[in-house]
Amino acid sequence: MPDLTDRNHSPAPALARYGTLLLCAIWLLAGTVGHDPWKADDVLHLGVAFGMAGGDWLVPRIAGDPWLVSPPLYHWVAALCGKLLGGLLPWHDAARLASVLFGGVFLAILSRMAQQLLGASAALAAPLLAIGTLGLLVPLHEAQPAIVSISGFIISLWGLSRWQQVPLHGGLLFGAGIGIGFLGAGIDSAAIQLATGLMLALHPAWRTRGSLVAWLAAAAIALMLMVPWPFLLWQQAPALFDLWWIAEKGSATLRGGFSRNHFELLAWASWPVLPLAVWSLWLERRHLVKPPTVMLLAASVAALVAFFADEPKATALLPALVPLTLLAAAGAGRLRRGAASAFDWFGMMTFTLIAALIWLGGISMLTGEPARIAKNFSKPAPGFIAEASTLAIVLAIAASVGWIAVMLRTPRSPWRAAARWSVGLTTIWLLLMALWLPWIDYGKSYRSVSADFRHALGNHPGCIARRNLGLAQRASLDYFNGIRTIGGNRAKDCRYLIMQTAPRSEKELAGWTLIRETSRPGDKSERLRLYRRAE
């Protein structure tokens, strides 16, 4: 397949390759480990993985109750990571390494595809642009099955790019990507990839002599991956299969629509790859039917249509960022000098200012000075006491010195602006995790709430009823202290009740005595109350 930019394919300098690899590794690990499960998606999916590690690998469950919103590939891998590495790390940190694995696969294949389509320099630029994309920052650092969907998508695009040279190989990769995407994120992910393939089937480059073989291979491998889990679920728990299938059909229906929220989310979450991708398409406007361009354009259209058909949420946009990143890598090295300089200076000034503010916040938490800034941290996290960590401070200093060195010593090149942007974003993320992570963790974890309830309940409380208790809260109580609640008719004879409510709601509850009220530190919108049935 001819490349987009006709650039040479000479190997990139070894120092640049190792530097990019190190930066991506730091970006993947920073913030993925070192903190408790957080509300909401993080603790929810870690709760599912925790339940699977307990023995039930077929049915995703939260605190013992079936949760059939997505297939279980991410949770399987997270549970395995937790079991294998749980002795070296806290279980939740070990399980969250599944995100690092899937994220690493995504970045590695993205780099391989960029080299194949765009040349050696783009092989470094593409993963750098990916880790510099705002919309990928949080999802790739929490327990999130949507990461599997982008890993599957890049695999299927890799297969489509190999389709003409080696149809069988291309078809197998395309089918594997569809199957992996389905097992991670359900029908939505598979539909985006299949729609991309069907659109490309209209292009002469994908209607070759070996296309039939490629489609058959794709269908075979996709079905081999997709069918076993639903079949086993249908065979062993038909009622749960029906619940899952209803949820999947619901996800395939129109739930969103063009709205201002969609465009606002797209504008910030796709920065900077969206404007760079648009620039690349403008440069290629007379060659949009060339195979590499049409493939990435078709993938972008399919993913963006799915995004606008869903509710405006960051995880729904993730698939679109895959082809947009490759298009951006084609355009980043071809920016006009003025635009490249403006992008470069904007990134350097923005990240330097943010880094200074993070340092100021970290110092104020440790020293109490400036008092006004320290108060801004203590007010939303009452009771938090910052402690100096030598390792964290050394990491923060090293990241800051590295950022200064990058600003001063990066040689002039077409990719300098993109490289500095990615290093800058990684720097402030690392600073945030090194200096602010204990404070963030203090307010986002339910560890103290769960401990309060365990102390009040004792060791053998019997069954515990629930009322309006959210999934994240249920998963947290189960993970931290093994507190499981039940609902419906099964709970009518329970001695205890846990209720989630607003702070100012009425505390008196007929037939029950309030024995404990608690919340996460500084949470002004939520209270968890523990009641004992009146004698």
Protein backbone atom coordinates (compact mmCIF):
# COMPACT_ATOMS: atom_id res chain seq x y z
CA MET A 1 0.00 0.00 0.00
CA PRO A 2 1.55 3.35 -0.96
CA ASP A 3 2.15 5.80 1.85
CA LEU A 4 0.32 9.07 2.32
CA THR A 5 3.27 11.38 2.24
CA ASP A 6 5.86 9.63 0.10
CA ARG A 7 8.41 9.98 2.88
CA ASN A 8 11.43 7.74 3.17
CA HIS A 9 11.30 4.61 5.28
CA SER A 10 14.80 4.81 6.70
CA PRO A 11 15.04 3.69 10.33
CA ALA A 12 14.50 6.32 12.99
CA PRO A 13 17.51 7.15 15.20
CA ALA A 14 17.94 4.66 18.02
CA LEU A 15 17.93 7.41 20.66
CA ALA A 16 14.60 8.73 19.38
CA ARG A 17 13.10 5.22 19.35
CA TYR A 18 14.19 4.46 22.90
CA GLY A 19 13.10 7.89 24.07
CA THR A 20 9.65 7.42 22.59
CA LEU A 21 9.38 3.94 24.10
CA LEU A 22 10.39 5.26 27.53
CA LEU A 23 7.97 8.18 27.34
CA CYS A 24 5.06 5.90 26.36
CA ALA A 25 5.91 3.49 29.19
CA ILE A 26 5.99 6.33 31.73
CA TRP A 27 2.71 7.69 30.39
CA LEU A 28 1.01 4.29 30.61
CA LEU A 29 2.16 3.56 34.17
CA ALA A 30 1.81 7.00 35.78
CA GLY A 31 -1.53 7.12 37.56
CA THR A 32 -2.49 3.56 36.66
CA VAL A 33 -1.05 2.24 39.92
CA GLY A 34 -0.70 3.80 43.35
CA HIS A 35 -4.30 4.59 44.29
CA ASP A 36 -7.53 2.98 45.47
CA PRO A 37 -10.38 2.09 43.12
CA TRP A 38 -12.18 5.33 42.26
CA LYS A 39 -15.78 6.19 41.52
CA ALA A 40 -17.25 5.38 39.09
CA ASP A 41 -15.97 3.29 36.15
CA ASP A 42 -12.69 2.38 37.82
CA VAL A 43 -14.18 0.73 40.89
CA LEU A 44 -17.06 -0.73 38.90
CA HIS A 45 -14.82 -2.68 36.50
CA LEU A 46 -12.33 -3.60 39.20
CA GLY A 47 -15.30 -4.93 41.17
CA VAL A 48 -16.29 -7.15 38.24
CA ALA A 49 -12.71 -8.42 37.90
CA PHE A 50 -12.51 -9.01 41.67
CA GLY A 51 -15.64 -11.14 41.50
CA MET A 52 -14.21 -13.18 38.61
CA ALA A 53 -10.98 -13.76 40.50
CA GLY A 54 -13.17 -15.33 43.19
CA GLY A 55 -14.15 -18.14 40.82
CA ASP A 56 -17.01 -17.17 38.48
CA TRP A 57 -15.25 -16.45 35.17
CA LEU A 58 -18.37 -16.69 33.01
CA VAL A 59 -20.80 -14.13 34.45
CA PRO A 60 -19.65 -10.58 35.18
CA ARG A 61 -20.89 -9.66 38.65
CA ILE A 62 -20.73 -6.66 40.98
CA ALA A 63 -20.84 -7.60 44.66
CA GLY A 64 -22.41 -10.92 43.72
CA ASP A 65 -25.15 -9.53 41.45
CA PRO A 66 -24.99 -10.12 37.66
CA TRP A 67 -23.77 -7.12 35.65
CA LEU A 68 -24.24 -7.82 31.96
CA VAL A 69 -23.45 -4.47 30.36
CA SER A 70 -20.32 -5.49 28.45
CA PRO A 71 -18.55 -8.76 27.55
CA PRO A 72 -15.81 -9.83 29.93
CA LEU A 73 -12.46 -9.78 28.07
CA TYR A 74 -11.07 -6.80 29.99
CA HIS A 75 -12.26 -8.26 33.29
CA TRP A 76 -10.69 -11.64 32.50
CA VAL A 77 -7.31 -10.04 31.86
CA ALA A 78 -7.64 -7.76 34.91
CA ALA A 79 -8.55 -10.72 37.13
CA LEU A 80 -5.53 -12.68 35.83
CA CYS A 81 -3.23 -9.70 36.47
CA GLY A 82 -4.64 -9.41 39.98
CA LYS A 83 -4.11 -13.09 40.72
CA LEU A 84 -0.60 -13.21 39.23
CA LEU A 85 0.76 -9.93 40.62
CA GLY A 86 -1.47 -9.36 43.65
CA GLY A 87 1.35 -10.50 45.95
CA LEU A 88 3.66 -7.76 44.67
CA LEU A 89 1.13 -4.94 44.41
CA PRO A 90 -2.22 -4.13 45.99
CA TRP A 91 -4.79 -6.25 44.15
CA HIS A 92 -6.48 -3.28 42.48
CA ASP A 93 -3.15 -1.91 41.19
CA ALA A 94 -2.18 -5.31 39.82
CA ALA A 95 -5.57 -5.74 38.12
CA ARG A 96 -5.38 -2.25 36.63
CA LEU A 97 -2.22 -3.31 34.78
CA ALA A 98 -4.64 -4.80 32.24
CA SER A 99 -5.06 -1.21 31.04
CA VAL A 100 -1.30 -0.95 30.58
CA LEU A 101 -1.26 -4.17 28.56
CA PHE A 102 -4.09 -3.17 26.23
CA GLY A 103 -2.75 0.38 25.99
CA GLY A 104 0.69 -0.95 25.11
CA VAL A 105 -0.78 -3.14 22.35
CA PHE A 106 -2.64 -0.13 20.97
CA LEU A 107 0.44 2.11 20.90
CA ALA A 108 2.71 -0.59 19.46
CA ILE A 109 0.41 -1.45 16.55
CA LEU A 110 -0.34 2.24 15.99
CA SER A 111 3.39 2.83 15.56
CA ARG A 112 3.71 -0.17 13.24
CA MET A 113 0.84 1.03 11.08
CA ALA A 114 2.18 4.57 10.93
CA GLN A 115 5.54 3.27 9.73
CA GLN A 116 3.87 1.11 7.11
CA LEU A 117 1.63 3.90 5.80
CA LEU A 118 3.60 7.06 6.47
CA GLY A 119 7.26 6.31 7.03
CA ALA A 120 9.80 5.90 9.83
CA SER A 121 9.35 9.34 11.37
CA ALA A 122 5.60 8.86 11.66
CA ALA A 123 6.23 5.60 13.53
CA LEU A 124 7.44 7.78 16.41
CA ALA A 125 5.01 10.65 15.85
CA ALA A 126 1.82 8.52 15.94
CA PRO A 127 2.26 7.11 19.49
CA LEU A 128 3.47 10.51 20.67
CA LEU A 129 0.32 12.14 19.30
CA ALA A 130 -1.78 9.41 20.94
CA ILE A 131 -0.35 9.99 24.42
CA GLY A 132 -0.75 13.73 23.83
CA THR A 133 -4.46 13.44 23.03
CA LEU A 134 -6.60 14.76 25.87
CA GLY A 135 -9.45 12.28 25.38
CA LEU A 136 -7.15 9.27 25.87
CA LEU A 137 -5.56 10.51 29.09
CA VAL A 138 -8.07 9.43 31.75
CA PRO A 139 -9.67 6.33 30.12
CA LEU A 140 -6.29 4.67 29.51
CA HIS A 141 -5.33 5.11 33.17
CA GLU A 142 -8.38 3.52 34.78
CA ALA A 143 -10.00 0.09 34.68
CA GLN A 144 -11.89 0.60 31.45
CA PRO A 145 -13.08 -2.01 28.87
CA ALA A 146 -13.26 0.75 26.23
CA ILE A 147 -9.47 0.39 25.98
CA VAL A 148 -10.07 -3.04 24.46
CA SER A 149 -12.24 -1.48 21.76
CA ILE A 150 -9.43 0.78 20.53
CA SER A 151 -6.96 -2.11 20.68
CA GLY A 152 -9.33 -4.20 18.57
CA PHE A 153 -9.91 -1.28 16.19
CA ILE A 154 -6.21 -0.70 15.51
CA ILE A 155 -5.76 -4.45 14.91
CA SER A 156 -8.60 -4.48 12.38
CA LEU A 157 -7.20 -1.39 10.62
CA TRP A 158 -3.80 -3.07 10.51
CA GLY A 159 -5.48 -6.02 8.83
CA LEU A 160 -7.22 -3.78 6.28
CA SER A 161 -3.90 -2.11 5.47
CA ARG A 162 -2.37 -5.57 4.81
CA TRP A 163 -5.37 -6.73 2.79
CA GLN A 164 -3.90 -6.14 -0.70
CA GLN A 165 -0.42 -7.57 -0.16
CA VAL A 166 -1.37 -10.61 1.93
CA PRO A 167 -5.15 -11.13 1.82
CA LEU A 168 -5.21 -14.09 4.20
CA HIS A 169 -3.06 -12.35 6.78
CA GLY A 170 -5.04 -9.13 6.41
CA GLY A 171 -8.35 -10.95 6.77
CA LEU A 172 -7.21 -12.80 9.88
CA LEU A 173 -6.09 -9.54 11.53
CA PHE A 174 -9.31 -7.78 10.53
CA GLY A 175 -11.42 -10.58 11.99
CA ALA A 176 -9.29 -10.74 15.14
CA GLY A 177 -9.79 -7.02 15.68
CA ILE A 178 -13.57 -7.39 15.36
CA GLY A 179 -13.61 -10.33 17.77
CA ILE A 180 -11.42 -8.58 20.35
CA GLY A 181 -13.46 -5.39 20.11
CA PHE A 182 -16.68 -7.35 20.64
CA LEU A 183 -15.31 -9.23 23.66
CA GLY A 184 -14.18 -5.95 25.18
CA ALA A 185 -16.94 -3.48 24.36
CA GLY A 186 -19.78 -5.41 22.73
CA ILE A 187 -21.67 -5.02 19.48
CA ASP A 188 -20.96 -1.29 19.15
CA SER A 189 -17.23 -1.86 18.74
CA ALA A 190 -17.66 -4.72 16.28
CA ALA A 191 -20.19 -2.69 14.26
CA ILE A 192 -17.76 0.23 13.79
CA GLN A 193 -15.06 -2.08 12.50
CA LEU A 194 -17.41 -4.03 10.26
CA ALA A 195 -18.86 -0.80 8.83
CA THR A 196 -15.32 0.35 8.01
CA GLY A 197 -14.60 -2.91 6.19
CA LEU A 198 -17.87 -2.80 4.24
CA MET A 199 -17.25 0.78 3.11
CA LEU A 200 -13.79 -0.19 1.91
CA ALA A 201 -15.25 -3.16 0.03
CA LEU A 202 -16.64 -0.57 -2.40
CA HIS A 203 -13.10 0.62 -3.19
CA PRO A 204 -11.21 -1.16 -6.01
CA ALA A 205 -8.11 -1.63 -3.80
CA TRP A 206 -10.09 -3.97 -1.53
CA ARG A 207 -11.81 -5.84 -4.37
CA THR A 208 -8.83 -7.92 -5.35
CA ARG A 209 -8.56 -11.57 -6.33
CA GLY A 210 -7.85 -12.56 -2.74
CA SER A 211 -10.66 -10.52 -1.19
CA LEU A 212 -13.01 -13.48 -0.88
CA VAL A 213 -10.34 -15.44 0.98
CA ALA A 214 -9.74 -12.44 3.23
CA TRP A 215 -13.45 -12.05 4.05
CA LEU A 216 -13.82 -15.75 4.78
CA ALA A 217 -10.77 -15.70 7.03
CA ALA A 218 -12.08 -12.58 8.80
CA ALA A 219 -15.49 -14.16 9.35
CA ALA A 220 -13.97 -17.38 10.65
CA ILE A 221 -11.64 -15.78 13.20
CA ALA A 222 -14.22 -13.21 14.30
CA LEU A 223 -16.84 -15.90 14.96
CA MET A 224 -14.30 -18.08 16.76
CA LEU A 225 -13.66 -15.21 19.17
CA MET A 226 -17.20 -13.85 19.45
CA VAL A 227 -19.39 -16.94 19.78
CA PRO A 228 -18.00 -19.05 22.70
CA TRP A 229 -18.75 -16.69 25.59
CA PRO A 230 -22.37 -15.84 24.60
CA PHE A 231 -22.97 -19.52 23.78
CA LEU A 232 -21.71 -20.68 27.19
CA LEU A 233 -23.74 -17.96 28.89
CA TRP A 234 -26.88 -19.02 26.98
CA GLN A 235 -26.21 -22.68 27.79
CA GLN A 236 -25.55 -22.24 31.52
CA ALA A 237 -27.70 -19.21 32.37
CA PRO A 238 -30.39 -18.55 29.72
CA ALA A 239 -32.07 -15.81 31.77
CA LEU A 240 -28.79 -13.92 32.12
CA PHE A 241 -28.11 -14.36 28.40
CA ASP A 242 -31.47 -12.72 27.70
CA LEU A 243 -30.55 -9.78 29.94
CA TRP A 244 -27.22 -9.38 28.16
CA TRP A 245 -28.79 -9.58 24.71
CA ILE A 246 -31.42 -6.98 25.61
CA ALA A 247 -28.65 -4.66 26.82
CA GLU A 248 -26.67 -5.21 23.61
CA LYS A 249 -29.68 -4.51 21.41
CA GLY A 250 -30.34 -1.38 23.41
CA SER A 251 -26.76 -0.21 22.84
CA ALA A 252 -27.26 -0.59 19.08
CA THR A 253 -30.23 1.78 19.03
CA LEU A 254 -30.02 5.56 18.58
CA ARG A 255 -29.43 7.04 22.05
CA GLY A 256 -27.96 10.40 21.25
CA GLY A 257 -28.13 12.73 18.30
CA PHE A 258 -26.27 15.80 17.17
CA SER A 259 -26.08 18.07 20.19
CA ARG A 260 -23.93 20.85 21.54
CA ASN A 261 -22.51 18.49 24.15
CA HIS A 262 -21.27 16.15 21.43
CA PHE A 263 -19.42 18.95 19.66
CA GLU A 264 -17.95 20.35 22.88
CA LEU A 265 -16.68 16.92 23.87
CA LEU A 266 -15.28 16.32 20.40
CA ALA A 267 -13.53 19.70 20.41
CA TRP A 268 -11.52 19.20 23.60
CA ALA A 269 -11.16 15.40 23.78
CA SER A 270 -9.76 15.09 20.24
CA TRP A 271 -7.20 17.87 20.68
CA PRO A 272 -4.68 18.04 19.03
CA VAL A 273 -5.29 15.17 16.60
CA LEU A 274 -8.56 16.47 15.10
CA PRO A 275 -7.18 19.75 13.69
CA LEU A 276 -4.04 17.95 12.50
CA ALA A 277 -6.19 15.26 10.83
CA VAL A 278 -8.28 17.93 9.09
CA TRP A 279 -5.05 19.58 7.91
CA SER A 280 -3.82 16.25 6.56
CA LEU A 281 -7.07 15.72 4.63
CA TRP A 282 -6.80 19.23 3.23
CA LEU A 283 -3.30 18.47 1.97
CA GLU A 284 -4.58 15.24 0.41
CA ARG A 285 -7.80 16.78 -0.93
CA ARG A 286 -6.90 15.86 -4.51
CA HIS A 287 -5.98 12.30 -3.50
CA LEU A 288 -8.73 11.30 -1.08
CA VAL A 289 -9.39 8.08 -3.01
CA LYS A 290 -5.84 6.79 -2.43
CA PRO A 291 -6.10 3.57 -0.36
CA PRO A 292 -4.40 4.78 2.87
CA THR A 293 -6.39 8.00 2.95
CA VAL A 294 -9.72 6.43 2.11
CA MET A 295 -9.18 3.71 4.74
CA LEU A 296 -8.53 6.21 7.54
CA LEU A 297 -11.33 8.47 6.32
CA ALA A 298 -13.82 5.57 6.27
CA ALA A 299 -12.78 4.49 9.76
CA SER A 300 -13.16 8.04 11.06
CA VAL A 301 -16.62 8.42 9.53
CA ALA A 302 -17.82 5.08 10.95
CA ALA A 303 -16.52 5.88 14.44
CA LEU A 304 -17.83 9.45 14.49
CA VAL A 305 -21.29 8.36 13.34
CA ALA A 306 -21.35 5.87 16.23
CA PHE A 307 -20.19 8.61 18.62
CA PHE A 308 -22.98 10.99 17.62
CA ALA A 309 -25.53 8.17 17.78
CA ASP A 310 -24.58 7.52 21.42
CA GLU A 311 -24.82 9.66 24.51
CA PRO A 312 -22.06 12.31 24.68
CA LYS A 313 -19.43 10.52 26.74
CA ALA A 314 -15.67 10.29 26.43
CA THR A 315 -15.52 6.50 26.05
CA ALA A 316 -17.84 6.63 23.02
CA LEU A 317 -15.35 8.91 21.26
CA LEU A 318 -12.32 6.66 21.79
CA PRO A 319 -12.67 4.60 18.57
CA ALA A 320 -12.71 7.78 16.46
CA LEU A 321 -9.37 8.84 17.97
CA VAL A 322 -7.66 5.79 16.42
CA PRO A 323 -7.88 6.75 12.71
CA LEU A 324 -7.74 10.46 13.57
CA THR A 325 -4.36 9.90 15.23
CA LEU A 326 -2.97 8.23 12.11
CA LEU A 327 -4.30 11.04 9.93
CA ALA A 328 -2.78 13.55 12.35
CA ALA A 329 0.59 11.80 12.11
CA ALA A 330 0.44 12.32 8.34
CA GLY A 331 -0.18 16.06 8.78
CA ALA A 332 1.88 16.92 11.87
CA GLY A 333 5.16 16.87 9.98
CA ARG A 334 3.77 18.99 7.16
CA LEU A 335 2.54 21.99 9.13
CA ARG A 336 3.43 25.41 7.76
CA ARG A 337 6.25 27.01 9.71
CA GLY A 338 4.03 29.64 11.33
CA ALA A 339 1.39 27.12 12.40
CA ALA A 340 4.03 24.72 13.74
CA SER A 341 5.69 27.51 15.73
CA ALA A 342 2.35 28.66 17.16
CA PHE A 343 1.43 25.08 18.16
CA ASP A 344 4.88 24.61 19.69
CA TRP A 345 4.82 27.82 21.72
CA PHE A 346 1.25 27.27 22.84
CA GLY A 347 2.18 23.84 24.18
CA MET A 348 5.36 25.00 25.91
CA MET A 349 3.76 28.00 27.58
CA THR A 350 0.59 26.11 28.60
CA PHE A 351 2.36 23.12 30.11
CA THR A 352 5.03 25.21 31.82
CA LEU A 353 2.35 27.31 33.50
CA ILE A 354 0.33 24.25 34.53
CA ALA A 355 3.48 22.54 35.86
CA ALA A 356 4.25 25.62 37.98
CA LEU A 357 0.71 25.63 39.39
CA ILE A 358 0.93 21.91 40.24
CA TRP A 359 4.21 22.54 42.08
CA LEU A 360 2.64 25.46 43.92
CA GLY A 361 -0.30 23.30 44.97
CA GLY A 362 1.95 20.47 46.10
CA ILE A 363 4.13 22.80 48.18
CA SER A 364 1.10 24.44 49.77
CA MET A 365 -0.32 21.05 50.78
CA LEU A 366 2.99 20.07 52.43
CA THR A 367 3.84 23.37 54.11
CA GLY A 368 0.52 25.17 54.53
CA GLU A 369 1.91 28.17 52.64
CA PRO A 370 0.61 30.17 50.87
CA ALA A 371 -2.27 29.79 53.35
CA ARG A 372 -4.95 30.85 50.88
CA ILE A 373 -3.95 28.15 48.40
CA ALA A 374 -3.58 25.54 51.15
CA LYS A 375 -7.14 26.33 52.25
CA ASN A 376 -8.40 25.58 48.75
CA PHE A 377 -7.04 22.04 49.14
CA SER A 378 -8.14 21.43 52.74
CA LYS A 379 -11.71 22.64 52.21
CA PRO A 380 -12.79 19.89 49.73
CA ALA A 381 -10.77 17.24 51.63
CA PRO A 382 -11.32 17.85 55.37
CA GLY A 383 -8.96 15.86 57.53
CA PHE A 384 -6.37 15.24 54.82
CA ILE A 385 -2.77 15.49 56.02
CA ALA A 386 -0.14 15.63 53.29
CA GLU A 387 3.06 13.71 53.91
CA ALA A 388 6.30 14.25 52.01
CA SER A 389 7.35 11.26 49.91
CA THR A 390 11.00 11.30 48.89
CA LEU A 391 10.32 9.14 45.83
CA ALA A 392 7.42 11.32 44.69
CA ILE A 393 9.45 14.52 45.06
CA VAL A 394 12.43 13.03 43.21
CA LEU A 395 10.12 11.94 40.37
CA ALA A 396 8.53 15.38 40.23
CA ILE A 397 11.94 17.10 40.10
CA ALA A 398 13.18 14.70 37.42
CA ALA A 399 10.05 15.28 35.32
CA SER A 400 10.43 19.06 35.62
CA VAL A 401 14.13 18.99 34.70
CA GLY A 402 13.35 16.70 31.78
CA TRP A 403 10.67 19.11 30.53
CA ILE A 404 13.09 22.05 30.69
CA ALA A 405 15.70 20.02 28.82
CA VAL A 406 13.17 19.13 26.12
CA MET A 407 12.21 22.76 25.67
CA LEU A 408 15.83 23.89 25.41
CA ARG A 409 17.50 21.02 23.57
CA THR A 410 15.00 19.51 21.14
CA PRO A 411 16.48 19.94 17.65
CA ARG A 412 14.43 21.61 14.95
CA SER A 413 12.41 19.12 12.90
CA PRO A 414 8.94 18.85 11.32
CA TRP A 415 7.81 16.76 14.32
CA ARG A 416 9.18 18.97 17.10
CA ALA A 417 5.86 20.62 17.98
CA ALA A 418 4.06 17.28 18.29
CA ALA A 419 6.91 15.76 20.31
CA ARG A 420 7.05 18.68 22.74
CA TRP A 421 3.29 18.64 23.17
CA SER A 422 3.34 14.96 24.15
CA VAL A 423 6.29 15.40 26.51
CA GLY A 424 4.57 18.40 28.08
CA LEU A 425 1.30 16.57 28.69
CA THR A 426 3.17 13.57 30.11
CA THR A 427 5.14 15.90 32.39
CA ILE A 428 2.10 17.56 33.95
CA TRP A 429 0.37 14.18 34.31
CA LEU A 430 3.42 12.77 36.08
CA LEU A 431 3.66 15.86 38.30
CA LEU A 432 -0.03 15.57 39.15
CA MET A 433 0.36 11.91 40.10
CA ALA A 434 3.56 12.53 42.08
CA LEU A 435 2.43 15.60 44.04
CA TRP A 436 -1.36 15.49 44.17
CA LEU A 437 -2.26 11.79 44.00
CA PRO A 438 -2.65 11.24 47.79
CA TRP A 439 -5.01 14.24 47.98
CA ILE A 440 -7.03 13.06 44.97
CA ASP A 441 -7.17 9.51 46.33
CA TYR A 442 -8.37 10.74 49.72
CA GLY A 443 -11.49 12.27 48.19
CA LYS A 444 -12.30 9.70 45.52
CA SER A 445 -11.94 6.46 47.48
CA TYR A 446 -14.69 4.75 49.48
CA ARG A 447 -12.16 3.01 51.75
CA SER A 448 -13.05 5.08 54.84
CA VAL A 449 -16.79 4.73 54.19
CA SER A 450 -16.50 0.97 53.95
CA ALA A 451 -14.38 0.81 57.10
CA ASP A 452 -16.99 2.83 59.02
CA PHE A 453 -19.72 0.41 58.02
CA ARG A 454 -17.62 -2.67 58.79
CA HIS A 455 -16.93 -1.36 62.29
CA ALA A 456 -20.64 -0.67 62.89
CA LEU A 457 -21.82 -3.99 61.41
CA GLY A 458 -19.37 -6.26 63.19
CA ASN A 459 -18.17 -9.54 61.75
CA HIS A 460 -21.47 -11.42 61.33
CA PRO A 461 -24.27 -8.97 60.49
CA GLY A 462 -26.34 -11.39 58.40
CA CYS A 463 -28.04 -10.13 55.26
CA ILE A 464 -27.94 -6.40 54.51
CA ALA A 465 -30.68 -4.71 52.48
CA ARG A 466 -30.01 -1.78 50.17
CA ARG A 467 -31.99 1.18 48.93
CA ASN A 468 -30.86 3.49 46.09
CA LEU A 469 -27.31 2.20 46.48
CA GLY A 470 -25.28 2.84 43.31
CA LEU A 471 -23.13 0.28 41.53
CA ALA A 472 -19.88 2.04 42.40
CA GLN A 473 -20.80 2.12 46.08
CA ARG A 474 -21.82 -1.54 46.08
CA ALA A 475 -18.58 -2.54 44.36
CA SER A 476 -16.50 -0.48 46.82
CA LEU A 477 -18.15 -1.89 49.96
CA ASP A 478 -17.64 -5.42 48.66
CA TYR A 479 -14.03 -4.89 47.58
CA PHE A 480 -12.74 -3.12 50.68
CA ASN A 481 -14.56 -5.02 53.44
CA GLY A 482 -16.67 -7.77 51.89
CA ILE A 483 -19.94 -5.94 52.61
CA ARG A 484 -22.57 -7.25 50.20
CA THR A 485 -26.11 -5.96 50.02
CA ILE A 486 -29.24 -7.48 48.50
CA GLY A 487 -32.35 -5.89 47.06
CA GLY A 488 -35.96 -6.72 46.24
CA ASN A 489 -38.00 -9.35 48.04
CA ARG A 490 -34.88 -11.16 49.21
CA ALA A 491 -34.13 -8.26 51.55
CA LYS A 492 -37.45 -8.12 53.43
CA ASP A 493 -36.13 -9.97 56.49
CA CYS A 494 -32.70 -8.33 56.69
CA ARG A 495 -31.66 -6.81 59.99
CA TYR A 496 -29.59 -4.00 58.42
CA LEU A 497 -30.18 -1.52 55.59
CA ILE A 498 -27.71 0.68 53.69
CA MET A 499 -29.26 3.63 51.91
CA GLN A 500 -27.70 6.19 49.59
CA THR A 501 -29.31 9.61 49.79
CA ALA A 502 -28.77 13.37 49.66
CA PRO A 503 -27.30 15.16 52.71
CA ARG A 504 -30.47 17.07 53.61
CA SER A 505 -32.93 14.26 53.13
CA GLU A 506 -35.01 13.06 56.06
CA LYS A 507 -33.02 10.74 58.33
CA GLU A 508 -35.96 9.10 60.05
CA LEU A 509 -37.10 5.89 58.36
CA ALA A 510 -40.17 4.03 59.59
CA GLY A 511 -39.25 0.72 61.20
CA TRP A 512 -35.51 1.46 61.17
CA THR A 513 -32.99 3.06 63.54
CA LEU A 514 -30.11 5.10 62.09
CA ILE A 515 -26.80 3.87 63.52
CA ARG A 516 -24.26 5.35 61.13
CA GLU A 517 -24.08 8.12 58.52
CA THR A 518 -20.93 8.64 56.47
CA SER A 519 -19.58 9.86 53.15
CA ARG A 520 -16.36 10.31 51.27
CA PRO A 521 -14.35 13.22 52.73
CA GLY A 522 -15.64 16.50 51.35
CA ASP A 523 -18.51 14.92 49.37
CA LYS A 524 -21.38 17.41 49.60
CA SER A 525 -23.83 15.60 47.34
CA GLU A 526 -24.00 12.08 48.75
CA ARG A 527 -24.57 10.37 52.07
CA LEU A 528 -24.54 6.67 52.92
CA ARG A 529 -26.64 5.70 55.92
CA LEU A 530 -26.68 2.45 57.84
CA TYR A 531 -29.92 1.49 59.61
CA ARG A 532 -30.78 -1.36 61.95
CA ARG A 533 -34.29 -2.73 62.00
CA ALA A 534 -36.21 -1.45 65.02
CA GLU A 535 -36.92 -4.12 67.63
